[in-house]
Amino acid sequence: MNIAFAPGFDLAAVLASPSPVVVELGCGPNPPDGVIGVDSLPLDGVQVVANLEDGLGFLPDNSVDEIRSRHFLEHVERFEPLLREIHRVLKPGGRHVCIVPHFSNPYYYSDPTHKRFFGLYTFDYFSRPEHQLRRKVPPFYFDFFFRVIERRLEFRSAWRLHGAVGKRMEAMANRSPAAQEFYERHLCWRFPCQQIRFVMTPEK
């Protein structure tokens, strides 16, 4: 694994600090203050340059309080190994917060770098049945588990009329888990959803 650190960045000191350790994967240029920005390109503000297809070997077990990503996981070829790495480095009670495209997003298919799309049940495959939505999915493909504590369908649009309707649809679809499942089963192709925000914690 080829890793490069930004000049003056001391990962060991950050990990030893009493402050929460927050890592943003695929952060792009100028990540927020207070996070360890990780990207495959040496962009402005990136503190760790690494190919995340190779995992998170630069981070020790149980060393991170929160891992974030925004429209990054859909670009990952080796998704399951990276998710296992996220599970490994998170502290017990830590959080994995990610925003990913919903499968009904029509713009998803335009980007040739996208490898996968996501639905409400994607991370339920990494969850025990008692923590899944009402519709159950097989939990036996993997030997590590997360508990999804929040999932939110988000509707965004550059078009003013669509944006106004999207706000109403977002409020309706997120009234309850049952409403989310109803939307995805019956309405998503009539009014596409842009993205889903997941928050999950590792089971350790």
C-alpha atoms as a PDB file:
ATOM      1  CA  MET A   1       0.000   0.000   0.000  1.00  0.00           C
ATOM      2  CA  ASN A   2       1.442   3.366  -1.069  1.00  0.00           C
ATOM      3  CA  ILE A   3       0.608   6.056   1.472  1.00  0.00           C
ATOM      4  CA  ALA A   4       1.671   9.700   1.477  1.00  0.00           C
ATOM      5  CA  PHE A   5       1.019  12.186   4.259  1.00  0.00           C
ATOM      6  CA  ALA A   6       0.731  15.939   3.805  1.00  0.00           C
ATOM      7  CA  PRO A   7       3.731  17.917   5.059  1.00  0.00           C
ATOM      8  CA  GLY A   8       3.399  18.565   8.788  1.00  0.00           C
ATOM      9  CA  PHE A   9       0.569  16.094   9.280  1.00  0.00           C
ATOM     10  CA  ASP A  10       1.236  13.719  12.180  1.00  0.00           C
ATOM     11  CA  LEU A  11      -1.277  10.869  12.121  1.00  0.00           C
ATOM     12  CA  ALA A  12       0.026   9.325  15.348  1.00  0.00           C
ATOM     13  CA  ALA A  13      -0.460  12.602  17.204  1.00  0.00           C
ATOM     14  CA  VAL A  14      -4.024  12.955  15.910  1.00  0.00           C
ATOM     15  CA  LEU A  15      -4.883   9.410  16.952  1.00  0.00           C
ATOM     16  CA  ALA A  16      -3.400  10.006  20.415  1.00  0.00           C
ATOM     17  CA  SER A  17      -5.305  13.262  20.889  1.00  0.00           C
ATOM     18  CA  PRO A  18      -8.281  13.324  23.285  1.00  0.00           C
ATOM     19  CA  SER A  19     -10.376  14.914  20.531  1.00  0.00           C
ATOM     20  CA  PRO A  20     -12.702  12.670  18.472  1.00  0.00           C
ATOM     21  CA  VAL A  21     -10.972  11.154  15.437  1.00  0.00           C
ATOM     22  CA  VAL A  22     -13.044  11.791  12.311  1.00  0.00           C
ATOM     23  CA  VAL A  23     -11.981  10.517   8.876  1.00  0.00           C
ATOM     24  CA  GLU A  24     -13.520  11.541   5.568  1.00  0.00           C
ATOM     25  CA  LEU A  25     -12.978   9.100   2.703  1.00  0.00           C
ATOM     26  CA  GLY A  26     -12.760  10.450  -0.837  1.00  0.00           C
ATOM     27  CA  CYS A  27     -12.813  13.925   0.650  1.00  0.00           C
ATOM     28  CA  GLY A  28     -11.829  15.889  -2.464  1.00  0.00           C
ATOM     29  CA  PRO A  29     -10.247  19.339  -2.126  1.00  0.00           C
ATOM     30  CA  ASN A  30     -10.611  21.399   1.044  1.00  0.00           C
ATOM     31  CA  PRO A  31     -12.222  18.918   3.442  1.00  0.00           C
ATOM     32  CA  PRO A  32     -13.872  20.378   6.572  1.00  0.00           C
ATOM     33  CA  ASP A  33     -11.693  21.422   9.477  1.00  0.00           C
ATOM     34  CA  GLY A  34     -11.229  18.836  12.173  1.00  0.00           C
ATOM     35  CA  VAL A  35     -11.329  15.769   9.924  1.00  0.00           C
ATOM     36  CA  ILE A  36      -8.589  13.601   8.472  1.00  0.00           C
ATOM     37  CA  GLY A  37      -9.133  14.038   4.755  1.00  0.00           C
ATOM     38  CA  VAL A  38      -8.248  10.946   2.706  1.00  0.00           C
ATOM     39  CA  ASP A  39      -8.233  10.874  -1.077  1.00  0.00           C
ATOM     40  CA  SER A  40      -6.419   9.135  -3.906  1.00  0.00           C
ATOM     41  CA  LEU A  41      -5.247  12.504  -5.269  1.00  0.00           C
ATOM     42  CA  PRO A  42      -2.966  15.043  -3.526  1.00  0.00           C
ATOM     43  CA  LEU A  43      -5.566  17.809  -3.608  1.00  0.00           C
ATOM     44  CA  ASP A  44      -5.589  20.916  -1.421  1.00  0.00           C
ATOM     45  CA  GLY A  45      -6.337  19.980   2.167  1.00  0.00           C
ATOM     46  CA  VAL A  46      -5.926  16.230   1.710  1.00  0.00           C
ATOM     47  CA  GLN A  47      -3.874  14.898   4.608  1.00  0.00           C
ATOM     48  CA  VAL A  48      -3.575  11.242   3.583  1.00  0.00           C
ATOM     49  CA  VAL A  49      -3.115  10.237  -0.052  1.00  0.00           C
ATOM     50  CA  ALA A  50      -4.025   6.575  -0.447  1.00  0.00           C
ATOM     51  CA  ASN A  51      -5.728   4.201  -2.841  1.00  0.00           C
ATOM     52  CA  LEU A  52      -8.710   3.168  -0.734  1.00  0.00           C
ATOM     53  CA  GLU A  53      -9.228   0.090  -2.883  1.00  0.00           C
ATOM     54  CA  ASP A  54      -6.288  -1.217  -0.812  1.00  0.00           C
ATOM     55  CA  GLY A  55      -8.097  -0.609   2.468  1.00  0.00           C
ATOM     56  CA  LEU A  56      -7.294   1.484   5.531  1.00  0.00           C
ATOM     57  CA  GLY A  57      -4.038  -0.147   6.577  1.00  0.00           C
ATOM     58  CA  PHE A  58      -2.652   3.185   7.787  1.00  0.00           C
ATOM     59  CA  LEU A  59      -5.249   3.179  10.611  1.00  0.00           C
ATOM     60  CA  PRO A  60      -5.062   0.858  13.653  1.00  0.00           C
ATOM     61  CA  ASP A  61      -7.943  -1.265  14.882  1.00  0.00           C
ATOM     62  CA  ASN A  62     -10.577   0.578  16.946  1.00  0.00           C
ATOM     63  CA  SER A  63      -8.936   3.963  16.440  1.00  0.00           C
ATOM     64  CA  VAL A  64     -11.607   6.132  14.756  1.00  0.00           C
ATOM     65  CA  ASP A  65     -14.744   7.716  16.208  1.00  0.00           C
ATOM     66  CA  GLU A  66     -16.439   8.513  12.909  1.00  0.00           C
ATOM     67  CA  ILE A  67     -15.907   7.754   9.230  1.00  0.00           C
ATOM     68  CA  ARG A  68     -17.711   9.893   6.670  1.00  0.00           C
ATOM     69  CA  SER A  69     -18.074   9.812   2.929  1.00  0.00           C
ATOM     70  CA  ARG A  70     -20.204  11.687   0.436  1.00  0.00           C
ATOM     71  CA  HIS A  71     -20.769  10.221  -3.022  1.00  0.00           C
ATOM     72  CA  PHE A  72     -17.651   8.119  -2.723  1.00  0.00           C
ATOM     73  CA  LEU A  73     -18.692   4.513  -2.113  1.00  0.00           C
ATOM     74  CA  GLU A  74     -20.337   4.207  -5.531  1.00  0.00           C
ATOM     75  CA  HIS A  75     -16.868   4.610  -7.066  1.00  0.00           C
ATOM     76  CA  VAL A  76     -15.325   1.725  -5.105  1.00  0.00           C
ATOM     77  CA  GLU A  77     -14.713  -1.556  -6.908  1.00  0.00           C
ATOM     78  CA  ARG A  78     -13.790  -3.560  -3.780  1.00  0.00           C
ATOM     79  CA  PHE A  79     -16.770  -2.421  -1.719  1.00  0.00           C
ATOM     80  CA  GLU A  80     -17.085  -5.317   0.727  1.00  0.00           C
ATOM     81  CA  PRO A  81     -13.365  -5.350   1.690  1.00  0.00           C
ATOM     82  CA  LEU A  82     -13.463  -1.593   2.280  1.00  0.00           C
ATOM     83  CA  LEU A  83     -16.590  -1.914   4.411  1.00  0.00           C
ATOM     84  CA  ARG A  84     -14.809  -4.585   6.452  1.00  0.00           C
ATOM     85  CA  GLU A  85     -11.921  -2.143   6.942  1.00  0.00           C
ATOM     86  CA  ILE A  86     -14.325   0.576   8.073  1.00  0.00           C
ATOM     87  CA  HIS A  87     -15.736  -1.876  10.602  1.00  0.00           C
ATOM     88  CA  ARG A  88     -12.220  -2.765  11.785  1.00  0.00           C
ATOM     89  CA  VAL A  89     -10.975   0.770  12.421  1.00  0.00           C
ATOM     90  CA  LEU A  90     -14.122   2.172  14.040  1.00  0.00           C
ATOM     91  CA  LYS A  91     -14.210   2.183  17.818  1.00  0.00           C
ATOM     92  CA  PRO A  92     -17.063   0.336  19.527  1.00  0.00           C
ATOM     93  CA  GLY A  93     -19.920   2.809  19.377  1.00  0.00           C
ATOM     94  CA  GLY A  94     -18.268   4.699  16.501  1.00  0.00           C
ATOM     95  CA  ARG A  95     -20.277   5.857  13.490  1.00  0.00           C
ATOM     96  CA  HIS A  96     -20.092   5.342   9.756  1.00  0.00           C
ATOM     97  CA  VAL A  97     -21.965   8.143   7.978  1.00  0.00           C
ATOM     98  CA  CYS A  98     -22.287   7.945   4.208  1.00  0.00           C
ATOM     99  CA  ILE A  99     -24.303   9.585   1.457  1.00  0.00           C
ATOM    100  CA  VAL A 100     -24.744   7.438  -1.650  1.00  0.00           C
ATOM    101  CA  PRO A 101     -26.872   7.638  -4.823  1.00  0.00           C
ATOM    102  CA  HIS A 102     -30.263   5.977  -4.812  1.00  0.00           C
ATOM    103  CA  PHE A 103     -30.734   3.486  -7.642  1.00  0.00           C
ATOM    104  CA  SER A 104     -33.580   5.562  -9.119  1.00  0.00           C
ATOM    105  CA  ASN A 105     -31.351   8.615  -9.621  1.00  0.00           C
ATOM    106  CA  PRO A 106     -31.264   8.995 -13.436  1.00  0.00           C
ATOM    107  CA  TYR A 107     -27.981  10.919 -13.357  1.00  0.00           C
ATOM    108  CA  TYR A 108     -26.214   8.023 -11.656  1.00  0.00           C
ATOM    109  CA  TYR A 109     -25.910   6.137 -14.936  1.00  0.00           C
ATOM    110  CA  SER A 110     -24.185   9.019 -16.738  1.00  0.00           C
ATOM    111  CA  ASP A 111     -20.965   8.764 -14.731  1.00  0.00           C
ATOM    112  CA  PRO A 112     -18.647   6.087 -16.169  1.00  0.00           C
ATOM    113  CA  THR A 113     -16.688   5.923 -12.887  1.00  0.00           C
ATOM    114  CA  HIS A 114     -19.686   4.636 -10.903  1.00  0.00           C
ATOM    115  CA  LYS A 115     -19.406   0.959  -9.930  1.00  0.00           C
ATOM    116  CA  ARG A 116     -22.618   0.401  -7.928  1.00  0.00           C
ATOM    117  CA  PHE A 117     -25.811   1.999  -6.715  1.00  0.00           C
ATOM    118  CA  PHE A 118     -27.696   1.733  -3.432  1.00  0.00           C
ATOM    119  CA  GLY A 119     -31.158   1.152  -2.023  1.00  0.00           C
ATOM    120  CA  LEU A 120     -32.771   1.156   1.398  1.00  0.00           C
ATOM    121  CA  TYR A 121     -31.735  -2.460   2.025  1.00  0.00           C
ATOM    122  CA  THR A 122     -28.093  -2.331   0.891  1.00  0.00           C
ATOM    123  CA  PHE A 123     -26.589  -2.159   4.368  1.00  0.00           C
ATOM    124  CA  ASP A 124     -29.185  -4.541   5.806  1.00  0.00           C
ATOM    125  CA  TYR A 125     -27.137  -7.286   4.157  1.00  0.00           C
ATOM    126  CA  PHE A 126     -24.467  -6.329   6.704  1.00  0.00           C
ATOM    127  CA  SER A 127     -26.967  -6.240   9.609  1.00  0.00           C
ATOM    128  CA  ARG A 128     -28.521  -8.853  11.847  1.00  0.00           C
ATOM    129  CA  PRO A 129     -32.192  -9.628  11.068  1.00  0.00           C
ATOM    130  CA  GLU A 130     -33.501  -7.987  14.243  1.00  0.00           C
ATOM    131  CA  HIS A 131     -31.980  -4.685  13.102  1.00  0.00           C
ATOM    132  CA  GLN A 132     -33.239  -4.818   9.515  1.00  0.00           C
ATOM    133  CA  LEU A 133     -36.287  -3.177   7.992  1.00  0.00           C
ATOM    134  CA  ARG A 134     -39.566  -5.071   7.843  1.00  0.00           C
ATOM    135  CA  ARG A 135     -38.540  -6.766   4.591  1.00  0.00           C
ATOM    136  CA  LYS A 136     -35.711  -9.091   5.617  1.00  0.00           C
ATOM    137  CA  VAL A 137     -32.633  -9.878   3.524  1.00  0.00           C
ATOM    138  CA  PRO A 138     -30.016 -12.634   3.937  1.00  0.00           C
ATOM    139  CA  PRO A 139     -27.417 -11.740   6.610  1.00  0.00           C
ATOM    140  CA  PHE A 140     -25.166 -14.749   6.011  1.00  0.00           C
ATOM    141  CA  TYR A 141     -22.908 -13.432   3.251  1.00  0.00           C
ATOM    142  CA  PHE A 142     -20.563 -11.628   5.652  1.00  0.00           C
ATOM    143  CA  ASP A 143     -19.062 -12.243   9.082  1.00  0.00           C
ATOM    144  CA  PHE A 144     -19.052  -8.638  10.314  1.00  0.00           C
ATOM    145  CA  PHE A 145     -22.108  -6.555  11.136  1.00  0.00           C
ATOM    146  CA  PHE A 146     -23.307  -2.974  11.371  1.00  0.00           C
ATOM    147  CA  ARG A 147     -26.480  -1.664  12.918  1.00  0.00           C
ATOM    148  CA  VAL A 148     -28.149   1.007  10.791  1.00  0.00           C
ATOM    149  CA  ILE A 149     -29.440   3.673  13.162  1.00  0.00           C
ATOM    150  CA  GLU A 150     -30.593   6.182  10.547  1.00  0.00           C
ATOM    151  CA  ARG A 151     -31.490   6.118   6.865  1.00  0.00           C
ATOM    152  CA  ARG A 152     -32.983   9.061   5.028  1.00  0.00           C
ATOM    153  CA  LEU A 153     -34.117   9.380   1.430  1.00  0.00           C
ATOM    154  CA  GLU A 154     -33.029  12.771   0.081  1.00  0.00           C
ATOM    155  CA  PHE A 155     -34.541  14.513  -2.939  1.00  0.00           C
ATOM    156  CA  ARG A 156     -32.539  17.269  -4.624  1.00  0.00           C
ATOM    157  CA  SER A 157     -32.917  18.915  -8.008  1.00  0.00           C
ATOM    158  CA  ALA A 158     -31.419  21.767  -9.998  1.00  0.00           C
ATOM    159  CA  TRP A 159     -34.912  22.439 -11.368  1.00  0.00           C
ATOM    160  CA  ARG A 160     -36.997  24.753  -9.173  1.00  0.00           C
ATOM    161  CA  LEU A 161     -40.323  22.958  -9.670  1.00  0.00           C
ATOM    162  CA  HIS A 162     -38.787  19.552  -9.050  1.00  0.00           C
ATOM    163  CA  GLY A 163     -37.056  20.899  -5.968  1.00  0.00           C
ATOM    164  CA  ALA A 164     -40.326  22.170  -4.474  1.00  0.00           C
ATOM    165  CA  VAL A 165     -42.073  18.867  -5.128  1.00  0.00           C
ATOM    166  CA  GLY A 166     -39.013  17.006  -3.838  1.00  0.00           C
ATOM    167  CA  LYS A 167     -39.274  18.696  -0.436  1.00  0.00           C
ATOM    168  CA  ARG A 168     -42.825  17.428  -0.061  1.00  0.00           C
ATOM    169  CA  MET A 169     -41.895  13.964  -1.276  1.00  0.00           C
ATOM    170  CA  GLU A 170     -38.930  13.839   1.133  1.00  0.00           C
ATOM    171  CA  ALA A 171     -41.147  14.698   4.090  1.00  0.00           C
ATOM    172  CA  MET A 172     -43.700  12.072   3.078  1.00  0.00           C
ATOM    173  CA  ALA A 173     -41.212   9.302   2.286  1.00  0.00           C
ATOM    174  CA  ASN A 174     -39.312   9.714   5.549  1.00  0.00           C
ATOM    175  CA  ARG A 175     -42.294   9.721   7.898  1.00  0.00           C
ATOM    176  CA  SER A 176     -41.465   6.188   8.973  1.00  0.00           C
ATOM    177  CA  PRO A 177     -39.494   3.116   7.856  1.00  0.00           C
ATOM    178  CA  ALA A 178     -42.734   1.721   6.423  1.00  0.00           C
ATOM    179  CA  ALA A 179     -43.207   4.893   4.361  1.00  0.00           C
ATOM    180  CA  GLN A 180     -39.642   4.594   3.061  1.00  0.00           C
ATOM    181  CA  GLU A 181     -40.239   1.005   2.014  1.00  0.00           C
ATOM    182  CA  PHE A 182     -43.542   1.956   0.351  1.00  0.00           C
ATOM    183  CA  TYR A 183     -41.830   4.761  -1.587  1.00  0.00           C
ATOM    184  CA  GLU A 184     -39.028   2.524  -2.840  1.00  0.00           C
ATOM    185  CA  ARG A 185     -41.392  -0.292  -3.784  1.00  0.00           C
ATOM    186  CA  HIS A 186     -44.125   1.739  -5.482  1.00  0.00           C
ATOM    187  CA  LEU A 187     -43.084   5.336  -6.203  1.00  0.00           C
ATOM    188  CA  CYS A 188     -39.364   5.607  -6.907  1.00  0.00           C
ATOM    189  CA  TRP A 189     -39.685   5.293 -10.689  1.00  0.00           C
ATOM    190  CA  ARG A 190     -42.458   7.917 -10.742  1.00  0.00           C
ATOM    191  CA  PHE A 191     -40.469  10.417  -8.682  1.00  0.00           C
ATOM    192  CA  PRO A 192     -36.778   9.449  -8.490  1.00  0.00           C
ATOM    193  CA  CYS A 193     -34.727   9.945  -5.342  1.00  0.00           C
ATOM    194  CA  GLN A 194     -31.267  11.488  -5.613  1.00  0.00           C
ATOM    195  CA  GLN A 195     -29.489   9.970  -2.637  1.00  0.00           C
ATOM    196  CA  ILE A 196     -29.685   8.157   0.692  1.00  0.00           C
ATOM    197  CA  ARG A 197     -27.985   9.174   3.924  1.00  0.00           C
ATOM    198  CA  PHE A 198     -27.054   6.241   6.152  1.00  0.00           C
ATOM    199  CA  VAL A 199     -25.739   6.318   9.699  1.00  0.00           C
ATOM    200  CA  MET A 200     -24.568   3.020  11.188  1.00  0.00           C
ATOM    201  CA  THR A 201     -22.505   1.734  14.057  1.00  0.00           C
ATOM    202  CA  PRO A 202     -20.306  -1.394  14.081  1.00  0.00           C
ATOM    203  CA  GLU A 203     -21.298  -4.401  16.138  1.00  0.00           C
ATOM    204  CA  LYS A 204     -18.207  -5.514  18.072  1.00  0.00           C
END
